[in-house]
PDB file of N, CA and C in Angstrom:
ATOM      1  N   GLY A   1     107.316  38.675 -89.453  1.00  0.00           N
ATOM      2  CA  GLY A   1     108.374  37.836 -89.915  1.00  0.00           C
ATOM      3  C   GLY A   1     108.593  36.660 -88.984  1.00  0.00           C
ATOM      4  N   TYR A   2     109.459  35.789 -89.391  1.00  0.00           N
ATOM      5  CA  TYR A   2     109.772  34.584 -88.623  1.00  0.00           C
ATOM      6  C   TYR A   2     110.754  34.921 -87.512  1.00  0.00           C
ATOM      7  N   ARG A   3     110.450  34.430 -86.324  1.00  0.00           N
ATOM      8  CA  ARG A   3     111.354  34.583 -85.183  1.00  0.00           C
ATOM      9  C   ARG A   3     111.647  33.194 -84.625  1.00  0.00           C
ATOM     10  N   PRO A   4     112.881  32.748 -84.714  1.00  0.00           N
ATOM     11  CA  PRO A   4     113.208  31.405 -84.229  1.00  0.00           C
ATOM     12  C   PRO A   4     113.052  31.314 -82.715  1.00  0.00           C
ATOM     13  N   ALA A   5     112.233  30.381 -82.275  1.00  0.00           N
ATOM     14  CA  ALA A   5     111.961  30.216 -80.846  1.00  0.00           C
ATOM     15  C   ALA A   5     113.199  29.758 -80.080  1.00  0.00           C
ATOM     16  N   ALA A   6     114.111  29.073 -80.744  1.00  0.00           N
ATOM     17  CA  ALA A   6     115.312  28.573 -80.070  1.00  0.00           C
ATOM     18  C   ALA A   6     116.398  29.638 -79.956  1.00  0.00           C
ATOM     19  N   GLY A   7     116.154  30.810 -80.514  1.00  0.00           N
ATOM     20  CA  GLY A   7     117.109  31.901 -80.407  1.00  0.00           C
ATOM     21  C   GLY A   7     118.371  31.673 -81.223  1.00  0.00           C
ATOM     22  N   ILE A   8     119.413  32.373 -80.828  1.00  0.00           N
ATOM     23  CA  ILE A   8     120.664  32.354 -81.583  1.00  0.00           C
ATOM     24  C   ILE A   8     121.312  30.975 -81.572  1.00  0.00           C
ATOM     25  N   VAL A   9     121.155  30.226 -80.493  1.00  0.00           N
ATOM     26  CA  VAL A   9     121.748  28.885 -80.412  1.00  0.00           C
ATOM     27  C   VAL A   9     121.126  27.972 -81.466  1.00  0.00           C
ATOM     28  N   GLY A  10     119.808  28.021 -81.597  1.00  0.00           N
ATOM     29  CA  GLY A  10     119.133  27.213 -82.608  1.00  0.00           C
ATOM     30  C   GLY A  10     119.518  27.608 -84.019  1.00  0.00           C
ATOM     31  N   VAL A  11     119.646  28.900 -84.244  1.00  0.00           N
ATOM     32  CA  VAL A  11     120.030  29.387 -85.575  1.00  0.00           C
ATOM     33  C   VAL A  11     121.458  28.954 -85.902  1.00  0.00           C
ATOM     34  N   LEU A  12     122.372  29.077 -84.941  1.00  0.00           N
ATOM     35  CA  LEU A  12     123.758  28.655 -85.174  1.00  0.00           C
ATOM     36  C   LEU A  12     123.849  27.148 -85.411  1.00  0.00           C
ATOM     37  N   ALA A  13     123.063  26.375 -84.660  1.00  0.00           N
ATOM     38  CA  ALA A  13     123.036  24.925 -84.874  1.00  0.00           C
ATOM     39  C   ALA A  13     122.506  24.596 -86.266  1.00  0.00           C
ATOM     40  N   ALA A  14     121.495  25.329 -86.710  1.00  0.00           N
ATOM     41  CA  ALA A  14     120.944  25.118 -88.050  1.00  0.00           C
ATOM     42  C   ALA A  14     121.984  25.458 -89.117  1.00  0.00           C
ATOM     43  N   PHE A  15     122.718  26.539 -88.928  1.00  0.00           N
ATOM     44  CA  PHE A  15     123.765  26.898 -89.890  1.00  0.00           C
ATOM     45  C   PHE A  15     124.875  25.845 -89.917  1.00  0.00           C
ATOM     46  N   LEU A  16     125.203  25.280 -88.767  1.00  0.00           N
ATOM     47  CA  LEU A  16     126.200  24.213 -88.719  1.00  0.00           C
ATOM     48  C   LEU A  16     125.717  22.997 -89.512  1.00  0.00           C
ATOM     49  N   MET A  17     124.440  22.655 -89.354  1.00  0.00           N
ATOM     50  CA  MET A  17     123.863  21.538 -90.119  1.00  0.00           C
ATOM     51  C   MET A  17     123.902  21.840 -91.615  1.00  0.00           C
ATOM     52  N   LEU A  18     123.596  23.070 -91.995  1.00  0.00           N
ATOM     53  CA  LEU A  18     123.658  23.447 -93.412  1.00  0.00           C
ATOM     54  C   LEU A  18     125.084  23.339 -93.949  1.00  0.00           C
ATOM     55  N   PHE A  19     126.046  23.704 -93.135  1.00  0.00           N
ATOM     56  CA  PHE A  19     127.445  23.577 -93.534  1.00  0.00           C
ATOM     57  C   PHE A  19     127.791  22.112 -93.794  1.00  0.00           C
ATOM     58  N   VAL A  20     127.340  21.227 -92.906  1.00  0.00           N
ATOM     59  CA  VAL A  20     127.597  19.793 -93.076  1.00  0.00           C
ATOM     60  C   VAL A  20     126.944  19.289 -94.362  1.00  0.00           C
ATOM     61  N   LEU A  21     125.715  19.718 -94.631  1.00  0.00           N
ATOM     62  CA  LEU A  21     125.042  19.326 -95.870  1.00  0.00           C
ATOM     63  C   LEU A  21     125.808  19.845 -97.085  1.00  0.00           C
ATOM     64  N   GLY A  22     126.204  21.098 -97.058  1.00  0.00           N
ATOM     65  CA  GLY A  22     126.952  21.671 -98.173  1.00  0.00           C
ATOM     66  C   GLY A  22     128.282  20.968 -98.397  1.00  0.00           C
ATOM     67  N   PHE A  23     128.948  20.606 -97.314  1.00  0.00           N
ATOM     68  CA  PHE A  23     130.220  19.892 -97.421  1.00  0.00           C
ATOM     69  C   PHE A  23     130.011  18.534 -98.074  1.00  0.00           C
ATOM     70  N   GLY A  24     128.979  17.813 -97.628  1.00  0.00           N
ATOM     71  CA  GLY A  24     128.686  16.502 -98.204  1.00  0.00           C
ATOM     72  C   GLY A  24     128.278  16.584 -99.660  1.00  0.00           C
ATOM     73  N   MET A  25     127.396  17.527 -99.982  1.00  0.00           N
ATOM     74  CA  MET A  25     126.939  17.688-101.364  1.00  0.00           C
ATOM     75  C   MET A  25     128.068  18.195-102.261  1.00  0.00           C
ATOM     76  N   GLY A  26     128.984  18.946-101.704  1.00  0.00           N
ATOM     77  CA  GLY A  26     130.098  19.472-102.483  1.00  0.00           C
ATOM     78  C   GLY A  26     130.939  18.376-103.122  1.00  0.00           C
ATOM     79  N   TRP A  27     131.028  17.219-102.466  1.00  0.00           N
ATOM     80  CA  TRP A  27     131.816  16.125-103.031  1.00  0.00           C
ATOM     81  C   TRP A  27     131.226  15.631-104.344  1.00  0.00           C
ATOM     82  N   ILE A  28     129.901  15.688-104.473  1.00  0.00           N
ATOM     83  CA  ILE A  28     129.267  15.290-105.736  1.00  0.00           C
ATOM     84  C   ILE A  28     129.806  16.161-106.864  1.00  0.00           C
ATOM     85  N   PHE A  29     129.837  17.450-106.624  1.00  0.00           N
ATOM     86  CA  PHE A  29     130.254  18.380-107.671  1.00  0.00           C
ATOM     87  C   PHE A  29     131.759  18.332-107.918  1.00  0.00           C
ATOM     88  N   MET A  30     132.532  17.985-106.897  1.00  0.00           N
ATOM     89  CA  MET A  30     133.966  17.820-107.124  1.00  0.00           C
ATOM     90  C   MET A  30     134.235  16.622-108.032  1.00  0.00           C
ATOM     91  N   VAL A  31     133.522  15.521-107.792  1.00  0.00           N
ATOM     92  CA  VAL A  31     133.671  14.351-108.666  1.00  0.00           C
ATOM     93  C   VAL A  31     133.248  14.706-110.086  1.00  0.00           C
ATOM     94  N   LEU A  32     132.091  15.361-110.214  1.00  0.00           N
ATOM     95  CA  LEU A  32     131.619  15.751-111.545  1.00  0.00           C
ATOM     96  C   LEU A  32     132.615  16.682-112.229  1.00  0.00           C
ATOM     97  N   GLY A  33     133.140  17.631-111.486  1.00  0.00           N
ATOM     98  CA  GLY A  33     134.093  18.579-112.050  1.00  0.00           C
ATOM     99  C   GLY A  33     135.372  17.914-112.540  1.00  0.00           C
ATOM    100  N   LEU A  34     135.769  16.853-111.868  1.00  0.00           N
ATOM    101  CA  LEU A  34     136.973  16.138-112.292  1.00  0.00           C
ATOM    102  C   LEU A  34     136.717  15.196-113.463  1.00  0.00           C
ATOM    103  N   MET A  35     135.473  14.746-113.604  1.00  0.00           N
ATOM    104  CA  MET A  35     135.161  13.765-114.641  1.00  0.00           C
ATOM    105  C   MET A  35     134.627  14.380-115.933  1.00  0.00           C
ATOM    106  N   ILE A  36     134.011  15.543-115.831  1.00  0.00           N
ATOM    107  CA  ILE A  36     133.370  16.157-116.991  1.00  0.00           C
ATOM    108  C   ILE A  36     134.216  17.345-117.435  1.00  0.00           C
ATOM    109  N   ARG A  37     134.326  17.518-118.723  1.00  0.00           N
ATOM    110  CA  ARG A  37     135.270  18.503-119.268  1.00  0.00           C
ATOM    111  C   ARG A  37     134.819  19.958-119.169  1.00  0.00           C
ATOM    112  N   THR A  38     133.536  20.242-119.368  1.00  0.00           N
ATOM    113  CA  THR A  38     133.125  21.649-119.439  1.00  0.00           C
ATOM    114  C   THR A  38     132.319  22.056-118.212  1.00  0.00           C
ATOM    115  N   PRO A  39     132.491  23.283-117.752  1.00  0.00           N
ATOM    116  CA  PRO A  39     131.705  23.776-116.621  1.00  0.00           C
ATOM    117  C   PRO A  39     130.200  23.741-116.891  1.00  0.00           C
ATOM    118  N   THR A  40     129.809  24.002-118.126  1.00  0.00           N
ATOM    119  CA  THR A  40     128.385  23.988-118.467  1.00  0.00           C
ATOM    120  C   THR A  40     127.794  22.599-118.279  1.00  0.00           C
ATOM    121  N   ALA A  41     128.524  21.578-118.674  1.00  0.00           N
ATOM    122  CA  ALA A  41     128.042  20.208-118.509  1.00  0.00           C
ATOM    123  C   ALA A  41     127.931  19.840-117.030  1.00  0.00           C
ATOM    124  N   VAL A  42     128.891  20.284-116.231  1.00  0.00           N
ATOM    125  CA  VAL A  42     128.839  20.025-114.788  1.00  0.00           C
ATOM    126  C   VAL A  42     127.606  20.688-114.183  1.00  0.00           C
ATOM    127  N   MET A  43     127.362  21.939-114.545  1.00  0.00           N
ATOM    128  CA  MET A  43     126.203  22.663-114.012  1.00  0.00           C
ATOM    129  C   MET A  43     124.891  22.018-114.455  1.00  0.00           C
ATOM    130  N   THR A  44     124.827  21.580-115.698  1.00  0.00           N
ATOM    131  CA  THR A  44     123.612  20.948-116.206  1.00  0.00           C
ATOM    132  C   THR A  44     123.333  19.650-115.465  1.00  0.00           C
ATOM    133  N   LEU A  45     124.339  18.814-115.307  1.00  0.00           N
ATOM    134  CA  LEU A  45     124.161  17.563-114.589  1.00  0.00           C
ATOM    135  C   LEU A  45     123.855  17.824-113.118  1.00  0.00           C
ATOM    136  N   GLY A  46     124.538  18.787-112.535  1.00  0.00           N
ATOM    137  CA  GLY A  46     124.271  19.142-111.140  1.00  0.00           C
ATOM    138  C   GLY A  46     122.852  19.610-110.936  1.00  0.00           C
ATOM    139  N   PHE A  47     122.347  20.415-111.858  1.00  0.00           N
ATOM    140  CA  PHE A  47     120.959  20.869-111.779  1.00  0.00           C
ATOM    141  C   PHE A  47     120.014  19.682-111.872  1.00  0.00           C
ATOM    142  N   GLY A  48     120.344  18.725-112.729  1.00  0.00           N
ATOM    143  CA  GLY A  48     119.517  17.526-112.859  1.00  0.00           C
ATOM    144  C   GLY A  48     119.473  16.708-111.582  1.00  0.00           C
ATOM    145  N   ILE A  49     120.534  16.758-110.795  1.00  0.00           N
ATOM    146  CA  ILE A  49     120.567  16.054-109.511  1.00  0.00           C
ATOM    147  C   ILE A  49     119.803  16.842-108.453  1.00  0.00           C
ATOM    148  N   LEU A  50     120.044  18.151-108.390  1.00  0.00           N
ATOM    149  CA  LEU A  50     119.450  18.970-107.331  1.00  0.00           C
ATOM    150  C   LEU A  50     117.967  19.261-107.528  1.00  0.00           C
ATOM    151  N   PHE A  51     117.531  19.401-108.767  1.00  0.00           N
ATOM    152  CA  PHE A  51     116.142  19.789-109.036  1.00  0.00           C
ATOM    153  C   PHE A  51     115.136  18.852-108.364  1.00  0.00           C
ATOM    154  N   PRO A  52     115.210  17.538-108.584  1.00  0.00           N
ATOM    155  CA  PRO A  52     114.214  16.682-107.930  1.00  0.00           C
ATOM    156  C   PRO A  52     114.365  16.649-106.412  1.00  0.00           C
ATOM    157  N   LEU A  53     115.596  16.782-105.919  1.00  0.00           N
ATOM    158  CA  LEU A  53     115.783  16.757-104.470  1.00  0.00           C
ATOM    159  C   LEU A  53     115.150  17.967-103.792  1.00  0.00           C
ATOM    160  N   VAL A  54     115.272  19.127-104.413  1.00  0.00           N
ATOM    161  CA  VAL A  54     114.726  20.347-103.805  1.00  0.00           C
ATOM    162  C   VAL A  54     113.217  20.437-103.988  1.00  0.00           C
ATOM    163  N   PHE A  55     112.746  20.195-105.201  1.00  0.00           N
ATOM    164  CA  PHE A  55     111.331  20.412-105.469  1.00  0.00           C
ATOM    165  C   PHE A  55     110.445  19.243-105.053  1.00  0.00           C
ATOM    166  N   ALA A  56     111.020  18.072-104.853  1.00  0.00           N
ATOM    167  CA  ALA A  56     110.252  16.950-104.315  1.00  0.00           C
ATOM    168  C   ALA A  56     110.658  16.768-102.853  1.00  0.00           C
ATOM    169  N   SER A  57     110.467  17.828-102.086  1.00  0.00           N
ATOM    170  CA  SER A  57     110.806  17.810-100.667  1.00  0.00           C
ATOM    171  C   SER A  57     109.715  18.531 -99.886  1.00  0.00           C
ATOM    172  N   ASN A  58     109.880  18.522 -98.572  1.00  0.00           N
ATOM    173  CA  ASN A  58     108.914  19.213 -97.714  1.00  0.00           C
ATOM    174  C   ASN A  58     109.306  20.669 -97.473  1.00  0.00           C
ATOM    175  N   THR A  59     110.225  21.174 -98.280  1.00  0.00           N
ATOM    176  CA  THR A  59     110.707  22.540 -98.103  1.00  0.00           C
ATOM    177  C   THR A  59     109.611  23.568 -98.332  1.00  0.00           C
ATOM    178  N   MET A  60     108.801  23.352 -99.359  1.00  0.00           N
ATOM    179  CA  MET A  60     107.775  24.340 -99.712  1.00  0.00           C
ATOM    180  C   MET A  60     106.346  23.825 -99.582  1.00  0.00           C
ATOM    181  N   VAL A  61     106.165  22.502 -99.563  1.00  0.00           N
ATOM    182  CA  VAL A  61     104.822  21.929 -99.563  1.00  0.00           C
ATOM    183  C   VAL A  61     104.734  20.848 -98.492  1.00  0.00           C
ATOM    184  N   ASP A  62     103.626  20.816 -97.778  1.00  0.00           N
ATOM    185  CA  ASP A  62     103.376  19.792 -96.769  1.00  0.00           C
ATOM    186  C   ASP A  62     103.190  18.438 -97.462  1.00  0.00           C
ATOM    187  N   PRO A  63     103.972  17.421 -97.085  1.00  0.00           N
ATOM    188  CA  PRO A  63     103.850  16.112 -97.730  1.00  0.00           C
ATOM    189  C   PRO A  63     102.456  15.487 -97.599  1.00  0.00           C
ATOM    190  N   ALA A  64     101.697  15.882 -96.601  1.00  0.00           N
ATOM    191  CA  ALA A  64     100.344  15.335 -96.435  1.00  0.00           C
ATOM    192  C   ALA A  64      99.449  15.676 -97.619  1.00  0.00           C
ATOM    193  N   THR A  65      99.788  16.714 -98.373  1.00  0.00           N
ATOM    194  CA  THR A  65      98.974  17.113 -99.526  1.00  0.00           C
ATOM    195  C   THR A  65      99.426  16.433-100.819  1.00  0.00           C
ATOM    196  N   MET A  66     100.463  15.600-100.743  1.00  0.00           N
ATOM    197  CA  MET A  66     101.030  14.975-101.941  1.00  0.00           C
ATOM    198  C   MET A  66     100.446  13.587-102.159  1.00  0.00           C
ATOM    199  N   PRO A  67     100.462  13.107-103.418  1.00  0.00           N
ATOM    200  CA  PRO A  67     100.058  11.723-103.675  1.00  0.00           C
ATOM    201  C   PRO A  67     100.993  10.757-102.949  1.00  0.00           C
ATOM    202  N   GLY A  68     100.507   9.573-102.660  1.00  0.00           N
ATOM    203  CA  GLY A  68     101.265   8.602-101.872  1.00  0.00           C
ATOM    204  C   GLY A  68     102.639   8.275-102.415  1.00  0.00           C
ATOM    205  N   TRP A  69     102.762   8.092-103.729  1.00  0.00           N
ATOM    206  CA  TRP A  69     104.055   7.732-104.319  1.00  0.00           C
ATOM    207  C   TRP A  69     105.074   8.849-104.138  1.00  0.00           C
ATOM    208  N   LEU A  70     104.617  10.107-104.258  1.00  0.00           N
ATOM    209  CA  LEU A  70     105.521  11.241-104.092  1.00  0.00           C
ATOM    210  C   LEU A  70     105.856  11.437-102.617  1.00  0.00           C
ATOM    211  N   ARG A  71     104.864  11.268-101.760  1.00  0.00           N
ATOM    212  CA  ARG A  71     105.089  11.413-100.322  1.00  0.00           C
ATOM    213  C   ARG A  71     106.127  10.400 -99.838  1.00  0.00           C
ATOM    214  N   ALA A  72     106.084   9.172-100.386  1.00  0.00           N
ATOM    215  CA  ALA A  72     107.058   8.147 -99.997  1.00  0.00           C
ATOM    216  C   ALA A  72     108.482   8.601-100.318  1.00  0.00           C
ATOM    217  N   PHE A  73     108.669   9.233-101.476  1.00  0.00           N
ATOM    218  CA  PHE A  73     109.992   9.756-101.835  1.00  0.00           C
ATOM    219  C   PHE A  73     110.368  10.935-100.947  1.00  0.00           C
ATOM    220  N   VAL A  74     109.423  11.833-100.725  1.00  0.00           N
ATOM    221  CA  VAL A  74     109.680  13.043 -99.936  1.00  0.00           C
ATOM    222  C   VAL A  74     110.114  12.684 -98.517  1.00  0.00           C
ATOM    223  N   GLU A  75     109.544  11.626 -97.949  1.00  0.00           N
ATOM    224  CA  GLU A  75     109.853  11.264 -96.567  1.00  0.00           C
ATOM    225  C   GLU A  75     111.263  10.711 -96.383  1.00  0.00           C
ATOM    226  N   VAL A  76     111.902  10.252 -97.468  1.00  0.00           N
ATOM    227  CA  VAL A  76     113.279   9.759 -97.360  1.00  0.00           C
ATOM    228  C   VAL A  76     114.273  10.663 -98.094  1.00  0.00           C
ATOM    229  N   ASN A  77     113.773  11.725 -98.687  1.00  0.00           N
ATOM    230  CA  ASN A  77     114.603  12.677 -99.421  1.00  0.00           C
ATOM    231  C   ASN A  77     115.548  13.381 -98.435  1.00  0.00           C
ATOM    232  N   PRO A  78     116.859  13.383 -98.695  1.00  0.00           N
ATOM    233  CA  PRO A  78     117.799  14.039 -97.781  1.00  0.00           C
ATOM    234  C   PRO A  78     117.506  15.524 -97.555  1.00  0.00           C
ATOM    235  N   VAL A  79     116.978  16.205 -98.561  1.00  0.00           N
ATOM    236  CA  VAL A  79     116.639  17.624 -98.391  1.00  0.00           C
ATOM    237  C   VAL A  79     115.475  17.763 -97.411  1.00  0.00           C
ATOM    238  N   SER A  80     114.489  16.884 -97.493  1.00  0.00           N
ATOM    239  CA  SER A  80     113.368  16.916 -96.552  1.00  0.00           C
ATOM    240  C   SER A  80     113.834  16.624 -95.133  1.00  0.00           C
ATOM    241  N   LEU A  81     114.701  15.621 -94.995  1.00  0.00           N
ATOM    242  CA  LEU A  81     115.207  15.278 -93.664  1.00  0.00           C
ATOM    243  C   LEU A  81     115.973  16.449 -93.060  1.00  0.00           C
ATOM    244  N   MET A  82     116.773  17.124 -93.882  1.00  0.00           N
ATOM    245  CA  MET A  82     117.527  18.284 -93.400  1.00  0.00           C
ATOM    246  C   MET A  82     116.579  19.433 -93.067  1.00  0.00           C
ATOM    247  N   THR A  83     115.578  19.662 -93.908  1.00  0.00           N
ATOM    248  CA  THR A  83     114.618  20.741 -93.661  1.00  0.00           C
ATOM    249  C   THR A  83     113.901  20.528 -92.336  1.00  0.00           C
ATOM    250  N   THR A  84     113.473  19.301 -92.081  1.00  0.00           N
ATOM    251  CA  THR A  84     112.791  18.987 -90.826  1.00  0.00           C
ATOM    252  C   THR A  84     113.702  19.254 -89.633  1.00  0.00           C
ATOM    253  N   ALA A  85     114.963  18.833 -89.736  1.00  0.00           N
ATOM    254  CA  ALA A  85     115.910  19.060 -88.640  1.00  0.00           C
ATOM    255  C   ALA A  85     116.182  20.548 -88.440  1.00  0.00           C
ATOM    256  N   LEU A  86     116.349  21.290 -89.532  1.00  0.00           N
ATOM    257  CA  LEU A  86     116.624  22.730 -89.425  1.00  0.00           C
ATOM    258  C   LEU A  86     115.460  23.472 -88.793  1.00  0.00           C
ATOM    259  N   ARG A  87     114.254  23.139 -89.217  1.00  0.00           N
ATOM    260  CA  ARG A  87     113.073  23.781 -88.619  1.00  0.00           C
ATOM    261  C   ARG A  87     112.996  23.470 -87.134  1.00  0.00           C
ATOM    262  N   GLY A  88     113.258  22.216 -86.789  1.00  0.00           N
ATOM    263  CA  GLY A  88     113.230  21.830 -85.383  1.00  0.00           C
ATOM    264  C   GLY A  88     114.293  22.543 -84.564  1.00  0.00           C
ATOM    265  N   LEU A  89     115.491  22.665 -85.118  1.00  0.00           N
ATOM    266  CA  LEU A  89     116.564  23.361 -84.398  1.00  0.00           C
ATOM    267  C   LEU A  89     116.210  24.819 -84.150  1.00  0.00           C
ATOM    268  N   MET A  90     115.667  25.480 -85.152  1.00  0.00           N
ATOM    269  CA  MET A  90     115.351  26.902 -84.990  1.00  0.00           C
ATOM    270  C   MET A  90     114.106  27.130 -84.141  1.00  0.00           C
ATOM    271  N   ASP A  91     113.204  26.154 -84.138  1.00  0.00           N
ATOM    272  CA  ASP A  91     111.990  26.289 -83.325  1.00  0.00           C
ATOM    273  C   ASP A  91     112.154  25.713 -81.921  1.00  0.00           C
ATOM    274  N   GLY A  92     113.274  25.040 -81.672  1.00  0.00           N
ATOM    275  CA  GLY A  92     113.500  24.446 -80.362  1.00  0.00           C
ATOM    276  C   GLY A  92     112.768  23.135 -80.168  1.00  0.00           C
ATOM    277  N   THR A  93     112.369  22.483 -81.257  1.00  0.00           N
ATOM    278  CA  THR A  93     111.618  21.229 -81.167  1.00  0.00           C
ATOM    279  C   THR A  93     112.361  20.059 -81.798  1.00  0.00           C
ATOM    280  N   ALA A  94     113.625  20.235 -82.136  1.00  0.00           N
ATOM    281  CA  ALA A  94     114.386  19.179 -82.816  1.00  0.00           C
ATOM    282  C   ALA A  94     114.580  17.980 -81.902  1.00  0.00           C
ATOM    283  N   THR A  95     114.547  16.808 -82.503  1.00  0.00           N
ATOM    284  CA  THR A  95     114.860  15.580 -81.773  1.00  0.00           C
ATOM    285  C   THR A  95     116.201  15.056 -82.277  1.00  0.00           C
ATOM    286  N   TRP A  96     116.863  14.265 -81.446  1.00  0.00           N
ATOM    287  CA  TRP A  96     118.135  13.685 -81.868  1.00  0.00           C
ATOM    288  C   TRP A  96     117.933  12.762 -83.061  1.00  0.00           C
ATOM    289  N   GLY A  97     116.776  12.102 -83.115  1.00  0.00           N
ATOM    290  CA  GLY A  97     116.478  11.231 -84.252  1.00  0.00           C
ATOM    291  C   GLY A  97     116.412  12.007 -85.552  1.00  0.00           C
ATOM    292  N   ALA A  98     115.740  13.159 -85.532  1.00  0.00           N
ATOM    293  CA  ALA A  98     115.622  13.986 -86.742  1.00  0.00           C
ATOM    294  C   ALA A  98     116.993  14.514 -87.164  1.00  0.00           C
ATOM    295  N   ILE A  99     117.796  14.912 -86.191  1.00  0.00           N
ATOM    296  CA  ILE A  99     119.137  15.415 -86.504  1.00  0.00           C
ATOM    297  C   ILE A  99     119.999  14.290 -87.077  1.00  0.00           C
ATOM    298  N   GLY A 100     119.928  13.115 -86.459  1.00  0.00           N
ATOM    299  CA  GLY A 100     120.699  11.970 -86.948  1.00  0.00           C
ATOM    300  C   GLY A 100     120.309  11.562 -88.358  1.00  0.00           C
ATOM    301  N   ARG A 101     118.996  11.499 -88.630  1.00  0.00           N
ATOM    302  CA  ARG A 101     118.534  11.143 -89.981  1.00  0.00           C
ATOM    303  C   ARG A 101     118.996  12.175 -91.003  1.00  0.00           C
ATOM    304  N   ALA A 102     119.013  13.443 -90.615  1.00  0.00           N
ATOM    305  CA  ALA A 102     119.443  14.502 -91.537  1.00  0.00           C
ATOM    306  C   ALA A 102     120.934  14.418 -91.838  1.00  0.00           C
ATOM    307  N   LEU A 103     121.705  13.884 -90.917  1.00  0.00           N
ATOM    308  CA  LEU A 103     123.158  13.820 -91.108  1.00  0.00           C
ATOM    309  C   LEU A 103     123.618  12.579 -91.867  1.00  0.00           C
ATOM    310  N   ILE A 104     122.739  11.600 -92.040  1.00  0.00           N
ATOM    311  CA  ILE A 104     123.131  10.352 -92.710  1.00  0.00           C
ATOM    312  C   ILE A 104     123.647  10.618 -94.119  1.00  0.00           C
ATOM    313  N   ALA A 105     122.872  11.326 -94.936  1.00  0.00           N
ATOM    314  CA  ALA A 105     123.258  11.538 -96.341  1.00  0.00           C
ATOM    315  C   ALA A 105     124.565  12.317 -96.478  1.00  0.00           C
ATOM    316  N   PRO A 106     124.723  13.472 -95.805  1.00  0.00           N
ATOM    317  CA  PRO A 106     125.989  14.191 -95.991  1.00  0.00           C
ATOM    318  C   PRO A 106     127.207  13.420 -95.485  1.00  0.00           C
ATOM    319  N   VAL A 107     127.045  12.681 -94.404  1.00  0.00           N
ATOM    320  CA  VAL A 107     128.176  11.906 -93.884  1.00  0.00           C
ATOM    321  C   VAL A 107     128.523  10.776 -94.852  1.00  0.00           C
ATOM    322  N   LEU A 108     127.501  10.066 -95.359  1.00  0.00           N
ATOM    323  CA  LEU A 108     127.761   8.996 -96.324  1.00  0.00           C
ATOM    324  C   LEU A 108     128.384   9.533 -97.609  1.00  0.00           C
ATOM    325  N   LEU A 109     127.874  10.662 -98.091  1.00  0.00           N
ATOM    326  CA  LEU A 109     128.455  11.265 -99.294  1.00  0.00           C
ATOM    327  C   LEU A 109     129.932  11.575 -99.088  1.00  0.00           C
ATOM    328  N   THR A 110     130.263  12.117 -97.936  1.00  0.00           N
ATOM    329  CA  THR A 110     131.657  12.452 -97.644  1.00  0.00           C
ATOM    330  C   THR A 110     132.512  11.194 -97.537  1.00  0.00           C
ATOM    331  N   LEU A 111     132.015  10.192 -96.813  1.00  0.00           N
ATOM    332  CA  LEU A 111     132.787   8.962 -96.630  1.00  0.00           C
ATOM    333  C   LEU A 111     133.031   8.225 -97.944  1.00  0.00           C
ATOM    334  N   VAL A 112     132.054   8.260 -98.839  1.00  0.00           N
ATOM    335  CA  VAL A 112     132.186   7.540-100.108  1.00  0.00           C
ATOM    336  C   VAL A 112     132.912   8.379-101.159  1.00  0.00           C
ATOM    337  N   LEU A 113     132.500   9.631-101.310  1.00  0.00           N
ATOM    338  CA  LEU A 113     133.000  10.425-102.432  1.00  0.00           C
ATOM    339  C   LEU A 113     134.327  11.130-102.179  1.00  0.00           C
ATOM    340  N   ALA A 114     134.687  11.386-100.936  1.00  0.00           N
ATOM    341  CA  ALA A 114     135.985  12.033-100.683  1.00  0.00           C
ATOM    342  C   ALA A 114     137.137  11.161-101.177  1.00  0.00           C
ATOM    343  N   PRO A 115     137.176   9.863-100.830  1.00  0.00           N
ATOM    344  CA  PRO A 115     138.265   9.036-101.364  1.00  0.00           C
ATOM    345  C   PRO A 115     138.207   8.885-102.889  1.00  0.00           C
ATOM    346  N   VAL A 116     136.992   8.806-103.434  1.00  0.00           N
ATOM    347  CA  VAL A 116     136.843   8.706-104.890  1.00  0.00           C
ATOM    348  C   VAL A 116     137.392   9.964-105.557  1.00  0.00           C
ATOM    349  N   THR A 117     137.038  11.115-105.011  1.00  0.00           N
ATOM    350  CA  THR A 117     137.512  12.386-105.563  1.00  0.00           C
ATOM    351  C   THR A 117     139.034  12.465-105.523  1.00  0.00           C
ATOM    352  N   LEU A 118     139.605  12.094-104.402  1.00  0.00           N
ATOM    353  CA  LEU A 118     141.068  12.139-104.278  1.00  0.00           C
ATOM    354  C   LEU A 118     141.739  11.172-105.246  1.00  0.00           C
ATOM    355  N   ALA A 119     141.158   9.996-105.425  1.00  0.00           N
ATOM    356  CA  ALA A 119     141.729   9.022-106.361  1.00  0.00           C
ATOM    357  C   ALA A 119     141.676   9.553-107.793  1.00  0.00           C
ATOM    358  N   ILE A 120     140.557  10.138-108.175  1.00  0.00           N
ATOM    359  CA  ILE A 120     140.434  10.705-109.523  1.00  0.00           C
ATOM    360  C   ILE A 120     141.436  11.844-109.703  1.00  0.00           C
ATOM    361  N   TYR A 121     141.549  12.690-108.703  1.00  0.00           N
ATOM    362  CA  TYR A 121     142.475  13.826-108.786  1.00  0.00           C
ATOM    363  C   TYR A 121     143.922  13.350-108.933  1.00  0.00           C
ATOM    364  N   ARG A 122     144.303  12.373-108.126  1.00  0.00           N
ATOM    365  CA  ARG A 122     145.682  11.864-108.183  1.00  0.00           C
ATOM    366  C   ARG A 122     145.975  11.185-109.516  1.00  0.00           C
ATOM    367  N   ARG A 123     144.982  10.505-110.067  1.00  0.00           N
ATOM    368  CA  ARG A 123     145.158   9.824-111.348  1.00  0.00           C
ATOM    369  C   ARG A 123     145.349  10.829-112.479  1.00  0.00           C
ATOM    370  N   ARG A 124     144.741  11.999-112.352  1.00  0.00           N
ATOM    371  CA  ARG A 124     144.838  13.021-113.408  1.00  0.00           C
ATOM    372  C   ARG A 124     146.183  13.727-113.416  1.00  0.00           C
ATOM    373  N   GLU A 125     146.896  13.705-112.303  1.00  0.00           N
ATOM    374  CA  GLU A 125     148.179  14.427-112.224  1.00  0.00           C
ATOM    375  C   GLU A 125     149.249  13.797-113.059  1.00  0.00           C
TER     376      GLU A 125
END
């Protein structure tokens, strides 16, 4: 099985990064939930957003084996950036650059969508 070279500290840091990603991505679904009437529609649209991000990433396949056009997307995909940072944190090889690039998307999502979500929520009351 897999044994993280960075030990418990690396694993905890990776979980913290995952929490930040989940928090940032959660704002997408909060906006959708406030704007769309049925839970099924929210889930369908959410799946449409998540599917390309997860499956067109370096999570399961090495980008070097992908065609150039797909590799270009994979290299800037927020899921790929997070995967690279998480692997580095758990293996003890993470760089500050990789961690910073991985945090860009969740931080931007939070900064942009949190106020939007609150405005939509307040307008509905």
